[in-house]
């Protein structure tokens, strides 16, 4: 009985420690002349922090992701030289509202 209780408590602790921080849906964009290596570094950091890159943009230099807030601060700081912009991903409607 004692072993079962200790096993259950250990499982609860392990599950609690394994939880990832909440993810924010964001768009990250850079100046057009930004090297691809800068974007790759940012995407790798997001993945390593438990985030997911959801879309690579073609018309602008950037990507969309779901990422922990802490890593987004680092991504923006690394991209200062290339004018990195990190903004919340939102739904946009033409003419001010959904059709």
PDB file of N, CA and C in Angstrom:
ATOM      1  N   UNK A   1       0.819  -1.194   0.000  1.00  0.00           N
ATOM      2  CA  UNK A   1       0.000   0.000   0.000  1.00  0.00           C
ATOM      3  C   UNK A   1       0.867   1.263   0.000  1.00  0.00           C
ATOM      4  N   UNK A   2       1.891   1.233   0.838  1.00  0.00           N
ATOM      5  CA  UNK A   2       2.769   2.391   0.925  1.00  0.00           C
ATOM      6  C   UNK A   2       3.455   2.633  -0.425  1.00  0.00           C
ATOM      7  N   UNK A   3       3.871   1.553  -1.105  1.00  0.00           N
ATOM      8  CA  UNK A   3       4.516   1.686  -2.420  1.00  0.00           C
ATOM      9  C   UNK A   3       3.555   2.316  -3.423  1.00  0.00           C
ATOM     10  N   UNK A   4       2.296   1.939  -3.392  1.00  0.00           N
ATOM     11  CA  UNK A   4       1.305   2.484  -4.326  1.00  0.00           C
ATOM     12  C   UNK A   4       1.118   3.982  -4.100  1.00  0.00           C
ATOM     13  N   UNK A   5       1.059   4.390  -2.863  1.00  0.00           N
ATOM     14  CA  UNK A   5       0.876   5.817  -2.553  1.00  0.00           C
ATOM     15  C   UNK A   5       2.097   6.619  -3.006  1.00  0.00           C
ATOM     16  N   UNK A   6       3.299   6.108  -2.709  1.00  0.00           N
ATOM     17  CA  UNK A   6       4.514   6.810  -3.116  1.00  0.00           C
ATOM     18  C   UNK A   6       4.621   6.875  -4.639  1.00  0.00           C
ATOM     19  N   UNK A   7       4.234   5.811  -5.335  1.00  0.00           N
ATOM     20  CA  UNK A   7       4.255   5.812  -6.792  1.00  0.00           C
ATOM     21  C   UNK A   7       3.285   6.844  -7.347  1.00  0.00           C
ATOM     22  N   UNK A   8       2.105   6.928  -6.742  1.00  0.00           N
ATOM     23  CA  UNK A   8       1.100   7.890  -7.192  1.00  0.00           C
ATOM     24  C   UNK A   8       1.589   9.322  -6.984  1.00  0.00           C
ATOM     25  N   UNK A   9       2.186   9.598  -5.846  1.00  0.00           N
ATOM     26  CA  UNK A   9       2.713  10.935  -5.563  1.00  0.00           C
ATOM     27  C   UNK A   9       3.848  11.274  -6.529  1.00  0.00           C
ATOM     28  N   UNK A  10       4.723  10.329  -6.801  1.00  0.00           N
ATOM     29  CA  UNK A  10       5.825  10.565  -7.732  1.00  0.00           C
ATOM     30  C   UNK A  10       5.289  10.864  -9.134  1.00  0.00           C
ATOM     31  N   UNK A  11       4.245  10.154  -9.539  1.00  0.00           N
ATOM     32  CA  UNK A  11       3.633  10.393 -10.841  1.00  0.00           C
ATOM     33  C   UNK A  11       3.038  11.794 -10.912  1.00  0.00           C
ATOM     34  N   UNK A  12       2.358  12.223  -9.858  1.00  0.00           N
ATOM     35  CA  UNK A  12       1.777  13.569  -9.829  1.00  0.00           C
ATOM     36  C   UNK A  12       2.864  14.640  -9.926  1.00  0.00           C
ATOM     37  N   UNK A  13       3.952  14.445  -9.209  1.00  0.00           N
ATOM     38  CA  UNK A  13       5.048  15.414  -9.239  1.00  0.00           C
ATOM     39  C   UNK A  13       5.658  15.458 -10.637  1.00  0.00           C
ATOM     40  N   UNK A  14       5.878  14.302 -11.245  1.00  0.00           N
ATOM     41  CA  UNK A  14       6.460  14.261 -12.584  1.00  0.00           C
ATOM     42  C   UNK A  14       5.550  14.949 -13.596  1.00  0.00           C
ATOM     43  N   UNK A  15       4.255  14.729 -13.497  1.00  0.00           N
ATOM     44  CA  UNK A  15       3.312  15.379 -14.421  1.00  0.00           C
ATOM     45  C   UNK A  15       3.310  16.887 -14.224  1.00  0.00           C
ATOM     46  N   UNK A  16       3.391  17.328 -12.994  1.00  0.00           N
ATOM     47  CA  UNK A  16       3.407  18.762 -12.704  1.00  0.00           C
ATOM     48  C   UNK A  16       4.656  19.435 -13.232  1.00  0.00           C
ATOM     49  N   UNK A  17       5.790  18.753 -13.162  1.00  0.00           N
ATOM     50  CA  UNK A  17       7.039  19.319 -13.650  1.00  0.00           C
ATOM     51  C   UNK A  17       7.127  19.290 -15.171  1.00  0.00           C
ATOM     52  N   UNK A  18       6.402  18.384 -15.789  1.00  0.00           N
ATOM     53  CA  UNK A  18       6.471  18.236 -17.238  1.00  0.00           C
ATOM     54  C   UNK A  18       5.577  19.217 -17.987  1.00  0.00           C
ATOM     55  N   UNK A  19       4.741  19.946 -17.287  1.00  0.00           N
ATOM     56  CA  UNK A  19       3.845  20.876 -17.963  1.00  0.00           C
ATOM     57  C   UNK A  19       4.647  22.004 -18.611  1.00  0.00           C
ATOM     58  N   UNK A  20       4.247  22.357 -19.824  1.00  0.00           N
ATOM     59  CA  UNK A  20       4.904  23.464 -20.518  1.00  0.00           C
ATOM     60  C   UNK A  20       4.172  24.760 -20.193  1.00  0.00           C
ATOM     61  N   UNK A  21       4.879  25.871 -20.249  1.00  0.00           N
ATOM     62  CA  UNK A  21       4.213  27.151 -19.990  1.00  0.00           C
ATOM     63  C   UNK A  21       3.182  27.436 -21.086  1.00  0.00           C
ATOM     64  N   UNK A  22       2.216  28.301 -20.797  1.00  0.00           N
ATOM     65  CA  UNK A  22       1.215  28.619 -21.820  1.00  0.00           C
ATOM     66  C   UNK A  22       1.878  29.234 -23.061  1.00  0.00           C
ATOM     67  N   UNK A  23       1.317  28.916 -24.214  1.00  0.00           N
ATOM     68  CA  UNK A  23       1.865  29.400 -25.473  1.00  0.00           C
ATOM     69  C   UNK A  23       1.063  30.589 -25.983  1.00  0.00           C
ATOM     70  N   UNK A  24       1.763  31.532 -26.602  1.00  0.00           N
ATOM     71  CA  UNK A  24       1.131  32.698 -27.213  1.00  0.00           C
ATOM     72  C   UNK A  24       1.211  32.551 -28.723  1.00  0.00           C
ATOM     73  N   UNK A  25       0.116  32.867 -29.407  1.00  0.00           N
ATOM     74  CA  UNK A  25       0.113  32.874 -30.874  1.00  0.00           C
ATOM     75  C   UNK A  25       0.681  34.213 -31.333  1.00  0.00           C
ATOM     76  N   UNK A  26       1.782  34.160 -32.086  1.00  0.00           N
ATOM     77  CA  UNK A  26       2.463  35.385 -32.501  1.00  0.00           C
ATOM     78  C   UNK A  26       2.871  35.326 -33.967  1.00  0.00           C
ATOM     79  N   UNK A  27       3.149  36.497 -34.510  1.00  0.00           N
ATOM     80  CA  UNK A  27       3.782  36.647 -35.815  1.00  0.00           C
ATOM     81  C   UNK A  27       5.117  37.337 -35.575  1.00  0.00           C
ATOM     82  N   UNK A  28       6.167  36.812 -36.169  1.00  0.00           N
ATOM     83  CA  UNK A  28       7.506  37.385 -36.038  1.00  0.00           C
ATOM     84  C   UNK A  28       7.946  37.799 -37.435  1.00  0.00           C
ATOM     85  N   UNK A  29       8.310  39.060 -37.590  1.00  0.00           N
ATOM     86  CA  UNK A  29       8.727  39.542 -38.913  1.00  0.00           C
ATOM     87  C   UNK A  29      10.017  40.352 -38.794  1.00  0.00           C
ATOM     88  N   UNK A  30      10.738  40.403 -39.916  1.00  0.00           N
ATOM     89  CA  UNK A  30      12.038  41.065 -39.995  1.00  0.00           C
ATOM     90  C   UNK A  30      12.109  41.905 -41.261  1.00  0.00           C
ATOM     91  N   UNK A  31      13.136  42.764 -41.342  1.00  0.00           N
ATOM     92  CA  UNK A  31      13.406  43.493 -42.586  1.00  0.00           C
ATOM     93  C   UNK A  31      13.723  42.474 -43.675  1.00  0.00           C
ATOM     94  N   UNK A  32      13.443  42.840 -44.929  1.00  0.00           N
ATOM     95  CA  UNK A  32      13.623  41.922 -46.051  1.00  0.00           C
ATOM     96  C   UNK A  32      15.067  41.461 -46.241  1.00  0.00           C
ATOM     97  N   UNK A  33      16.051  42.280 -45.844  1.00  0.00           N
ATOM     98  CA  UNK A  33      17.448  41.894 -46.052  1.00  0.00           C
ATOM     99  C   UNK A  33      18.037  41.081 -44.896  1.00  0.00           C
ATOM    100  N   UNK A  34      17.199  40.630 -43.986  1.00  0.00           N
ATOM    101  CA  UNK A  34      17.654  39.823 -42.858  1.00  0.00           C
ATOM    102  C   UNK A  34      18.120  38.457 -43.356  1.00  0.00           C
ATOM    103  N   UNK A  35      19.295  37.998 -42.914  1.00  0.00           N
ATOM    104  CA  UNK A  35      19.778  36.678 -43.329  1.00  0.00           C
ATOM    105  C   UNK A  35      18.847  35.560 -42.819  1.00  0.00           C
ATOM    106  N   UNK A  36      18.712  34.507 -43.616  1.00  0.00           N
ATOM    107  CA  UNK A  36      17.878  33.369 -43.213  1.00  0.00           C
ATOM    108  C   UNK A  36      18.364  32.745 -41.915  1.00  0.00           C
ATOM    109  N   UNK A  37      19.649  32.842 -41.639  1.00  0.00           N
ATOM    110  CA  UNK A  37      20.200  32.257 -40.410  1.00  0.00           C
ATOM    111  C   UNK A  37      19.589  32.892 -39.161  1.00  0.00           C
ATOM    112  N   UNK A  38      19.225  34.162 -39.230  1.00  0.00           N
ATOM    113  CA  UNK A  38      18.595  34.836 -38.093  1.00  0.00           C
ATOM    114  C   UNK A  38      17.209  34.243 -37.846  1.00  0.00           C
ATOM    115  N   UNK A  39      16.447  34.025 -38.906  1.00  0.00           N
ATOM    116  CA  UNK A  39      15.129  33.400 -38.771  1.00  0.00           C
ATOM    117  C   UNK A  39      15.260  31.973 -38.266  1.00  0.00           C
ATOM    118  N   UNK A  40      16.233  31.234 -38.787  1.00  0.00           N
ATOM    119  CA  UNK A  40      16.441  29.854 -38.348  1.00  0.00           C
ATOM    120  C   UNK A  40      16.776  29.791 -36.866  1.00  0.00           C
ATOM    121  N   UNK A  41      17.607  30.721 -36.389  1.00  0.00           N
ATOM    122  CA  UNK A  41      17.966  30.769 -34.966  1.00  0.00           C
ATOM    123  C   UNK A  41      16.726  31.016 -34.124  1.00  0.00           C
ATOM    124  N   UNK A  42      15.868  31.933 -34.555  1.00  0.00           N
ATOM    125  CA  UNK A  42      14.653  32.246 -33.807  1.00  0.00           C
ATOM    126  C   UNK A  42      13.708  31.054 -33.780  1.00  0.00           C
ATOM    127  N   UNK A  43      13.523  30.400 -34.931  1.00  0.00           N
ATOM    128  CA  UNK A  43      12.626  29.240 -34.996  1.00  0.00           C
ATOM    129  C   UNK A  43      13.151  28.082 -34.165  1.00  0.00           C
ATOM    130  N   UNK A  44      14.463  27.858 -34.185  1.00  0.00           N
ATOM    131  CA  UNK A  44      15.056  26.797 -33.366  1.00  0.00           C
ATOM    132  C   UNK A  44      14.850  27.066 -31.884  1.00  0.00           C
ATOM    133  N   UNK A  45      15.014  28.319 -31.468  1.00  0.00           N
ATOM    134  CA  UNK A  45      14.823  28.673 -30.058  1.00  0.00           C
ATOM    135  C   UNK A  45      13.378  28.436 -29.629  1.00  0.00           C
ATOM    136  N   UNK A  46      12.439  28.773 -30.502  1.00  0.00           N
ATOM    137  CA  UNK A  46      11.027  28.570 -30.192  1.00  0.00           C
ATOM    138  C   UNK A  46      10.728  27.084 -30.039  1.00  0.00           C
ATOM    139  N   UNK A  47      11.245  26.270 -30.946  1.00  0.00           N
ATOM    140  CA  UNK A  47      11.018  24.816 -30.868  1.00  0.00           C
ATOM    141  C   UNK A  47      11.647  24.231 -29.603  1.00  0.00           C
ATOM    142  N   UNK A  48      12.864  24.670 -29.264  1.00  0.00           N
ATOM    143  CA  UNK A  48      13.546  24.156 -28.079  1.00  0.00           C
ATOM    144  C   UNK A  48      12.826  24.543 -26.795  1.00  0.00           C
ATOM    145  N   UNK A  49      12.090  25.645 -26.822  1.00  0.00           N
ATOM    146  CA  UNK A  49      11.342  26.094 -25.644  1.00  0.00           C
ATOM    147  C   UNK A  49       9.966  25.433 -25.556  1.00  0.00           C
ATOM    148  N   UNK A  50       9.667  24.532 -26.493  1.00  0.00           N
ATOM    149  CA  UNK A  50       8.377  23.841 -26.459  1.00  0.00           C
ATOM    150  C   UNK A  50       7.327  24.462 -27.360  1.00  0.00           C
ATOM    151  N   UNK A  51       7.734  25.427 -28.183  1.00  0.00           N
ATOM    152  CA  UNK A  51       6.802  26.086 -29.089  1.00  0.00           C
ATOM    153  C   UNK A  51       6.741  25.392 -30.440  1.00  0.00           C
ATOM    154  N   UNK A  52       5.874  25.907 -31.307  1.00  0.00           N
ATOM    155  CA  UNK A  52       5.669  25.339 -32.634  1.00  0.00           C
ATOM    156  C   UNK A  52       5.622  26.472 -33.656  1.00  0.00           C
ATOM    157  N   UNK A  53       6.379  26.333 -34.742  1.00  0.00           N
ATOM    158  CA  UNK A  53       6.289  27.268 -35.859  1.00  0.00           C
ATOM    159  C   UNK A  53       5.129  26.790 -36.711  1.00  0.00           C
ATOM    160  N   UNK A  54       4.116  27.632 -36.881  1.00  0.00           N
ATOM    161  CA  UNK A  54       2.892  27.215 -37.561  1.00  0.00           C
ATOM    162  C   UNK A  54       2.834  27.621 -39.023  1.00  0.00           C
ATOM    163  N   UNK A  55       3.637  28.611 -39.423  1.00  0.00           N
ATOM    164  CA  UNK A  55       3.589  29.058 -40.813  1.00  0.00           C
ATOM    165  C   UNK A  55       4.831  29.880 -41.141  1.00  0.00           C
ATOM    166  N   UNK A  56       5.408  29.623 -42.318  1.00  0.00           N
ATOM    167  CA  UNK A  56       6.486  30.461 -42.842  1.00  0.00           C
ATOM    168  C   UNK A  56       5.881  31.377 -43.894  1.00  0.00           C
ATOM    169  N   UNK A  57       6.087  32.675 -43.742  1.00  0.00           N
ATOM    170  CA  UNK A  57       5.538  33.638 -44.692  1.00  0.00           C
ATOM    171  C   UNK A  57       6.396  33.686 -45.957  1.00  0.00           C
ATOM    172  N   UNK A  58       5.757  33.930 -47.081  1.00  0.00           N
ATOM    173  CA  UNK A  58       6.463  34.010 -48.360  1.00  0.00           C
ATOM    174  C   UNK A  58       6.641  35.459 -48.824  1.00  0.00           C
ATOM    175  N   UNK A  59       5.648  36.315 -48.601  1.00  0.00           N
ATOM    176  CA  UNK A  59       5.712  37.691 -49.088  1.00  0.00           C
ATOM    177  C   UNK A  59       6.529  38.607 -48.181  1.00  0.00           C
ATOM    178  N   UNK A  60       6.582  38.268 -46.911  1.00  0.00           N
ATOM    179  CA  UNK A  60       7.396  39.037 -45.973  1.00  0.00           C
ATOM    180  C   UNK A  60       8.387  38.082 -45.321  1.00  0.00           C
ATOM    181  N   UNK A  61       9.419  38.623 -44.747  1.00  0.00           N
ATOM    182  CA  UNK A  61      10.435  37.815 -44.073  1.00  0.00           C
ATOM    183  C   UNK A  61       9.940  37.566 -42.654  1.00  0.00           C
ATOM    184  N   UNK A  62       9.400  36.374 -42.399  1.00  0.00           N
ATOM    185  CA  UNK A  62       8.910  36.085 -41.066  1.00  0.00           C
ATOM    186  C   UNK A  62       8.154  34.782 -40.991  1.00  0.00           C
ATOM    187  N   UNK A  63       7.531  34.556 -39.845  1.00  0.00           N
ATOM    188  CA  UNK A  63       6.809  33.324 -39.596  1.00  0.00           C
ATOM    189  C   UNK A  63       5.793  33.533 -38.476  1.00  0.00           C
ATOM    190  N   UNK A  64       4.858  32.583 -38.363  1.00  0.00           N
ATOM    191  CA  UNK A  64       3.889  32.570 -37.264  1.00  0.00           C
ATOM    192  C   UNK A  64       4.255  31.408 -36.355  1.00  0.00           C
ATOM    193  N   UNK A  65       3.971  31.554 -35.061  1.00  0.00           N
ATOM    194  CA  UNK A  65       4.326  30.503 -34.109  1.00  0.00           C
ATOM    195  C   UNK A  65       3.436  30.562 -32.886  1.00  0.00           C
ATOM    196  N   UNK A  66       3.396  29.450 -32.177  1.00  0.00           N
ATOM    197  CA  UNK A  66       2.838  29.387 -30.831  1.00  0.00           C
ATOM    198  C   UNK A  66       4.025  29.130 -29.924  1.00  0.00           C
ATOM    199  N   UNK A  67       4.315  30.076 -29.032  1.00  0.00           N
ATOM    200  CA  UNK A  67       5.552  29.992 -28.263  1.00  0.00           C
ATOM    201  C   UNK A  67       5.373  30.528 -26.852  1.00  0.00           C
ATOM    202  N   UNK A  68       6.196  30.035 -25.902  1.00  0.00           N
ATOM    203  CA  UNK A  68       6.194  30.595 -24.551  1.00  0.00           C
ATOM    204  C   UNK A  68       6.673  32.056 -24.583  1.00  0.00           C
ATOM    205  N   UNK A  69       6.096  32.878 -23.747  1.00  0.00           N
ATOM    206  CA  UNK A  69       6.418  34.307 -23.731  1.00  0.00           C
ATOM    207  C   UNK A  69       7.902  34.567 -23.456  1.00  0.00           C
ATOM    208  N   UNK A  70       8.525  33.745 -22.623  1.00  0.00           N
ATOM    209  CA  UNK A  70       9.922  33.982 -22.255  1.00  0.00           C
ATOM    210  C   UNK A  70      10.844  33.925 -23.474  1.00  0.00           C
ATOM    211  N   UNK A  71      10.624  32.962 -24.357  1.00  0.00           N
ATOM    212  CA  UNK A  71      11.502  32.841 -25.521  1.00  0.00           C
ATOM    213  C   UNK A  71      11.257  33.971 -26.521  1.00  0.00           C
ATOM    214  N   UNK A  72      10.060  34.524 -26.533  1.00  0.00           N
ATOM    215  CA  UNK A  72       9.756  35.620 -27.461  1.00  0.00           C
ATOM    216  C   UNK A  72      10.574  36.864 -27.140  1.00  0.00           C
ATOM    217  N   UNK A  73      10.832  37.098 -25.866  1.00  0.00           N
ATOM    218  CA  UNK A  73      11.690  38.227 -25.479  1.00  0.00           C
ATOM    219  C   UNK A  73      13.094  38.046 -26.053  1.00  0.00           C
ATOM    220  N   UNK A  74      13.611  36.820 -25.982  1.00  0.00           N
ATOM    221  CA  UNK A  74      14.939  36.538 -26.526  1.00  0.00           C
ATOM    222  C   UNK A  74      14.952  36.695 -28.039  1.00  0.00           C
ATOM    223  N   UNK A  75      13.930  36.183 -28.706  1.00  0.00           N
ATOM    224  CA  UNK A  75      13.852  36.272 -30.166  1.00  0.00           C
ATOM    225  C   UNK A  75      13.866  37.736 -30.605  1.00  0.00           C
ATOM    226  N   UNK A  76      13.108  38.564 -29.908  1.00  0.00           N
ATOM    227  CA  UNK A  76      13.063  39.978 -30.274  1.00  0.00           C
ATOM    228  C   UNK A  76      14.412  40.656 -29.995  1.00  0.00           C
ATOM    229  N   UNK A  77      15.053  40.304 -28.898  1.00  0.00           N
ATOM    230  CA  UNK A  77      16.350  40.907 -28.567  1.00  0.00           C
ATOM    231  C   UNK A  77      17.420  40.507 -29.581  1.00  0.00           C
ATOM    232  N   UNK A  78      17.433  39.236 -30.012  1.00  0.00           N
ATOM    233  CA  UNK A  78      18.426  38.792 -30.993  1.00  0.00           C
ATOM    234  C   UNK A  78      18.241  39.511 -32.326  1.00  0.00           C
ATOM    235  N   UNK A  79      17.011  39.872 -32.639  1.00  0.00           N
ATOM    236  CA  UNK A  79      16.721  40.471 -33.928  1.00  0.00           C
ATOM    237  C   UNK A  79      16.738  41.978 -33.936  1.00  0.00           C
ATOM    238  N   UNK A  80      17.253  42.615 -32.909  1.00  0.00           N
ATOM    239  CA  UNK A  80      17.267  44.076 -32.825  1.00  0.00           C
ATOM    240  C   UNK A  80      17.946  44.704 -34.032  1.00  0.00           C
ATOM    241  N   UNK A  81      19.059  44.160 -34.440  1.00  0.00           N
ATOM    242  CA  UNK A  81      19.804  44.693 -35.582  1.00  0.00           C
ATOM    243  C   UNK A  81      18.978  44.603 -36.879  1.00  0.00           C
ATOM    244  N   UNK A  82      18.084  43.622 -36.945  1.00  0.00           N
ATOM    245  CA  UNK A  82      17.289  43.400 -38.160  1.00  0.00           C
ATOM    246  C   UNK A  82      15.840  43.861 -37.994  1.00  0.00           C
ATOM    247  N   UNK A  83      15.616  44.667 -36.956  1.00  0.00           N
ATOM    248  CA  UNK A  83      14.291  45.234 -36.672  1.00  0.00           C
ATOM    249  C   UNK A  83      13.213  44.161 -36.559  1.00  0.00           C
ATOM    250  N   UNK A  84      13.469  43.173 -35.712  1.00  0.00           N
ATOM    251  CA  UNK A  84      12.495  42.105 -35.469  1.00  0.00           C
ATOM    252  C   UNK A  84      11.253  42.680 -34.798  1.00  0.00           C
ATOM    253  N   UNK A  85      10.108  42.237 -35.270  1.00  0.00           N
ATOM    254  CA  UNK A  85       8.839  42.623 -34.674  1.00  0.00           C
ATOM    255  C   UNK A  85       8.109  41.354 -34.247  1.00  0.00           C
ATOM    256  N   UNK A  86       7.726  41.297 -32.981  1.00  0.00           N
ATOM    257  CA  UNK A  86       6.946  40.175 -32.466  1.00  0.00           C
ATOM    258  C   UNK A  86       5.601  40.754 -32.037  1.00  0.00           C
ATOM    259  N   UNK A  87       4.540  40.275 -32.683  1.00  0.00           N
ATOM    260  CA  UNK A  87       3.213  40.793 -32.347  1.00  0.00           C
ATOM    261  C   UNK A  87       2.217  39.650 -32.224  1.00  0.00           C
ATOM    262  N   UNK A  88       1.212  39.874 -31.424  1.00  0.00           N
ATOM    263  CA  UNK A  88       0.181  38.866 -31.212  1.00  0.00           C
ATOM    264  C   UNK A  88      -0.547  38.581 -32.522  1.00  0.00           C
ATOM    265  N   UNK A  89      -0.729  37.299 -32.810  1.00  0.00           N
ATOM    266  CA  UNK A  89      -1.448  36.887 -34.017  1.00  0.00           C
ATOM    267  C   UNK A  89      -2.941  37.088 -33.759  1.00  0.00           C
ATOM    268  N   UNK A  90      -3.604  37.792 -34.650  1.00  0.00           N
ATOM    269  CA  UNK A  90      -5.025  38.100 -34.481  1.00  0.00           C
ATOM    270  C   UNK A  90      -5.769  37.891 -35.784  1.00  0.00           C
ATOM    271  N   UNK A  91      -7.062  37.700 -35.680  1.00  0.00           N
ATOM    272  CA  UNK A  91      -7.906  37.621 -36.854  1.00  0.00           C
ATOM    273  C   UNK A  91      -8.219  39.031 -37.321  1.00  0.00           C
ATOM    274  N   UNK A  92      -8.064  39.269 -38.614  1.00  0.00           N
ATOM    275  CA  UNK A  92      -8.331  40.580 -39.185  1.00  0.00           C
ATOM    276  C   UNK A  92      -9.483  40.454 -40.155  1.00  0.00           C
ATOM    277  N   UNK A  93     -10.410  41.411 -40.090  1.00  0.00           N
ATOM    278  CA  UNK A  93     -11.587  41.394 -40.972  1.00  0.00           C
ATOM    279  C   UNK A  93     -11.560  42.627 -41.873  1.00  0.00           C
ATOM    280  N   UNK A  94     -11.889  42.423 -43.129  1.00  0.00           N
ATOM    281  CA  UNK A  94     -12.006  43.549 -44.052  1.00  0.00           C
ATOM    282  C   UNK A  94     -13.223  44.379 -43.682  1.00  0.00           C
ATOM    283  N   UNK A  95     -13.113  45.655 -43.779  1.00  0.00           N
ATOM    284  CA  UNK A  95     -14.202  46.596 -43.512  1.00  0.00           C
ATOM    285  C   UNK A  95     -14.703  46.555 -42.072  1.00  0.00           C
ATOM    286  N   UNK A  96     -13.806  46.201 -41.155  1.00  0.00           N
ATOM    287  CA  UNK A  96     -14.112  46.338 -39.740  1.00  0.00           C
ATOM    288  C   UNK A  96     -14.931  45.247 -39.089  1.00  0.00           C
ATOM    289  N   UNK A  97     -15.324  44.200 -39.776  1.00  0.00           N
ATOM    290  CA  UNK A  97     -16.094  43.153 -39.115  1.00  0.00           C
ATOM    291  C   UNK A  97     -16.206  41.895 -39.941  1.00  0.00           C
ATOM    292  N   UNK A  98     -16.634  40.807 -39.301  1.00  0.00           N
ATOM    293  CA  UNK A  98     -16.773  39.551 -40.039  1.00  0.00           C
ATOM    294  C   UNK A  98     -17.912  39.641 -41.049  1.00  0.00           C
ATOM    295  N   UNK A  99     -17.780  38.905 -42.131  1.00  0.00           N
ATOM    296  CA  UNK A  99     -18.831  38.955 -43.159  1.00  0.00           C
ATOM    297  C   UNK A  99     -19.846  37.857 -42.957  1.00  0.00           C
TER     298      UNK A  99
END
